[in-house]
Amino acid sequence: MNIEEVREYCLSLPMATEDFPFDDVILVFRVFGKIFAFLSLDGSGWFALKCAPDYALELREVYPEIRGAFHMNKKYWNQVDLQGDLSNDFIEGLIRHSYSQVVKKFSKKLIAENPIISTVQE
């Protein structure tokens, strides 16, 4: 999966938006203002995703392309190397997991008002 495919997939999720809050190199993806992914546009081939703590550790142990995210709380954030051997389906699953981790923290009221955000399956 390349960075454009990652970008397109992130933006295909319900209510997802993108912006550059830090600089013109790190593209951030959000759902209702909450970040679920960072994508580096500097050619390094990495992006960062939110993750359940136990699953984050498991992924790092199994896949050399996944490690604790640079400059983020490594308990909750993994960095994924797009230049590795991970399949597109697997990466899309990681993105859905990240999105779901953010959505599950939303209030019941917000989810009731925007039920489409809870339709994404990990």
Protein backbone atom coordinates (compact mmCIF):
# COMPACT_ATOMS: atom_id res chain seq x y z
CA MET A 1 0.00 0.00 0.00
CA ASN A 2 1.40 3.42 -0.86
CA ILE A 3 0.75 6.74 0.86
CA GLU A 4 -1.95 7.78 -1.61
CA GLU A 5 -3.81 4.50 -1.06
CA VAL A 6 -3.54 4.96 2.72
CA ARG A 7 -4.86 8.51 2.36
CA GLU A 8 -7.78 7.41 0.19
CA TYR A 9 -8.69 4.59 2.57
CA CYS A 10 -8.57 6.83 5.65
CA LEU A 11 -10.80 9.39 3.94
CA SER A 12 -13.25 6.66 2.90
CA LEU A 13 -14.17 6.07 6.54
CA PRO A 14 -17.34 7.83 7.76
CA MET A 15 -16.88 11.48 8.72
CA ALA A 16 -13.08 11.31 8.30
CA THR A 17 -11.23 14.54 7.56
CA GLU A 18 -7.61 15.48 6.96
CA ASP A 19 -5.45 18.45 7.87
CA PHE A 20 -1.87 19.59 8.51
CA PRO A 21 -1.90 20.87 12.12
CA PHE A 22 1.85 20.52 12.74
CA ASP A 23 3.67 21.20 9.47
CA ASP A 24 3.33 20.58 5.74
CA VAL A 25 4.77 17.05 5.93
CA ILE A 26 2.60 15.24 8.51
CA LEU A 27 -0.95 14.66 7.28
CA VAL A 28 -3.42 13.97 10.09
CA PHE A 29 -6.70 12.08 9.79
CA ARG A 30 -9.52 12.74 12.24
CA VAL A 31 -13.05 11.74 13.03
CA PHE A 32 -15.00 14.51 14.78
CA GLY A 33 -11.74 16.28 15.57
CA LYS A 34 -10.07 13.26 17.18
CA ILE A 35 -6.93 11.90 15.50
CA PHE A 36 -6.89 8.30 14.35
CA ALA A 37 -3.88 8.38 11.97
CA PHE A 38 -0.78 10.34 10.98
CA LEU A 39 0.82 9.95 7.56
CA SER A 40 4.30 11.19 6.71
CA LEU A 41 4.56 12.75 3.26
CA ASP A 42 8.36 13.10 3.38
CA GLY A 43 8.96 9.84 1.52
CA SER A 44 9.98 7.85 4.60
CA GLY A 45 7.07 5.45 4.08
CA TRP A 46 5.60 5.41 7.57
CA PHE A 47 2.32 6.23 9.22
CA ALA A 48 1.04 6.04 12.80
CA LEU A 49 -2.19 4.51 14.08
CA LYS A 50 -3.95 4.35 17.41
CA CYS A 51 -4.16 0.86 18.86
CA ALA A 52 -5.48 -1.04 21.87
CA PRO A 53 -2.52 -1.41 24.26
CA ASP A 54 -2.29 -5.22 24.30
CA TYR A 55 -2.82 -5.46 20.54
CA ALA A 56 -0.15 -2.79 19.97
CA LEU A 57 2.42 -4.90 21.80
CA GLU A 58 1.34 -8.06 20.01
CA LEU A 59 1.72 -6.40 16.62
CA ARG A 60 5.22 -5.15 17.46
CA GLU A 61 6.31 -8.64 18.52
CA VAL A 62 5.04 -10.30 15.33
CA TYR A 63 5.70 -7.75 12.56
CA PRO A 64 9.09 -6.04 12.09
CA GLU A 65 7.31 -3.30 10.09
CA ILE A 66 5.42 -2.20 13.21
CA ARG A 67 6.97 -0.42 16.19
CA GLY A 68 6.04 2.16 18.80
CA ALA A 69 5.22 5.46 17.13
CA PHE A 70 7.88 8.17 17.23
CA HIS A 71 6.86 11.18 19.39
CA MET A 72 3.61 9.48 20.48
CA ASN A 73 2.48 7.55 23.53
CA LYS A 74 3.80 4.12 22.60
CA LYS A 75 1.20 2.46 24.79
CA TYR A 76 -1.51 3.50 22.31
CA TRP A 77 0.25 4.36 19.05
CA ASN A 78 2.08 2.18 16.55
CA GLN A 79 4.17 3.25 13.60
CA VAL A 80 3.78 1.17 10.44
CA ASP A 81 6.39 0.98 7.69
CA LEU A 82 4.61 0.95 4.31
CA GLN A 83 7.76 -0.27 2.59
CA GLY A 84 7.53 -3.63 4.37
CA ASP A 85 5.67 -6.79 3.42
CA LEU A 86 2.29 -6.09 5.04
CA SER A 87 -0.72 -6.77 2.81
CA ASN A 88 -3.16 -4.05 1.85
CA ASP A 89 -5.98 -5.92 3.61
CA PHE A 90 -3.94 -6.10 6.80
CA ILE A 91 -3.09 -2.39 6.69
CA GLU A 92 -6.74 -1.51 6.03
CA GLY A 93 -7.66 -3.62 9.08
CA LEU A 94 -5.16 -1.68 11.19
CA ILE A 95 -6.67 1.60 9.99
CA ARG A 96 -10.20 0.39 10.83
CA HIS A 97 -8.98 -0.71 14.26
CA SER A 98 -7.49 2.73 14.88
CA TYR A 99 -10.67 4.48 13.75
CA SER A 100 -12.76 2.20 15.99
CA GLN A 101 -10.49 2.89 18.97
CA VAL A 102 -11.24 6.59 18.62
CA VAL A 103 -14.99 6.20 17.94
CA LYS A 104 -15.56 3.95 20.95
CA LYS A 105 -14.49 6.83 23.22
CA PHE A 106 -17.22 9.12 21.87
CA SER A 107 -20.32 9.87 23.89
CA LYS A 108 -23.46 7.83 23.35
CA LYS A 109 -25.17 11.04 22.28
CA LEU A 110 -22.62 11.76 19.52
CA ILE A 111 -22.84 8.19 18.25
CA ALA A 112 -26.67 8.29 18.34
CA GLU A 113 -26.63 11.54 16.34
CA ASN A 114 -24.10 10.08 13.84
CA PRO A 115 -24.74 6.32 13.77
CA ILE A 116 -22.69 5.84 10.59
CA ILE A 117 -19.46 6.25 12.57
CA SER A 118 -20.19 3.06 14.52
CA THR A 119 -20.63 0.97 11.35
CA VAL A 120 -16.88 0.52 10.77
CA GLN A 121 -15.91 -3.00 11.80
CA GLU A 122 -12.38 -3.73 13.02
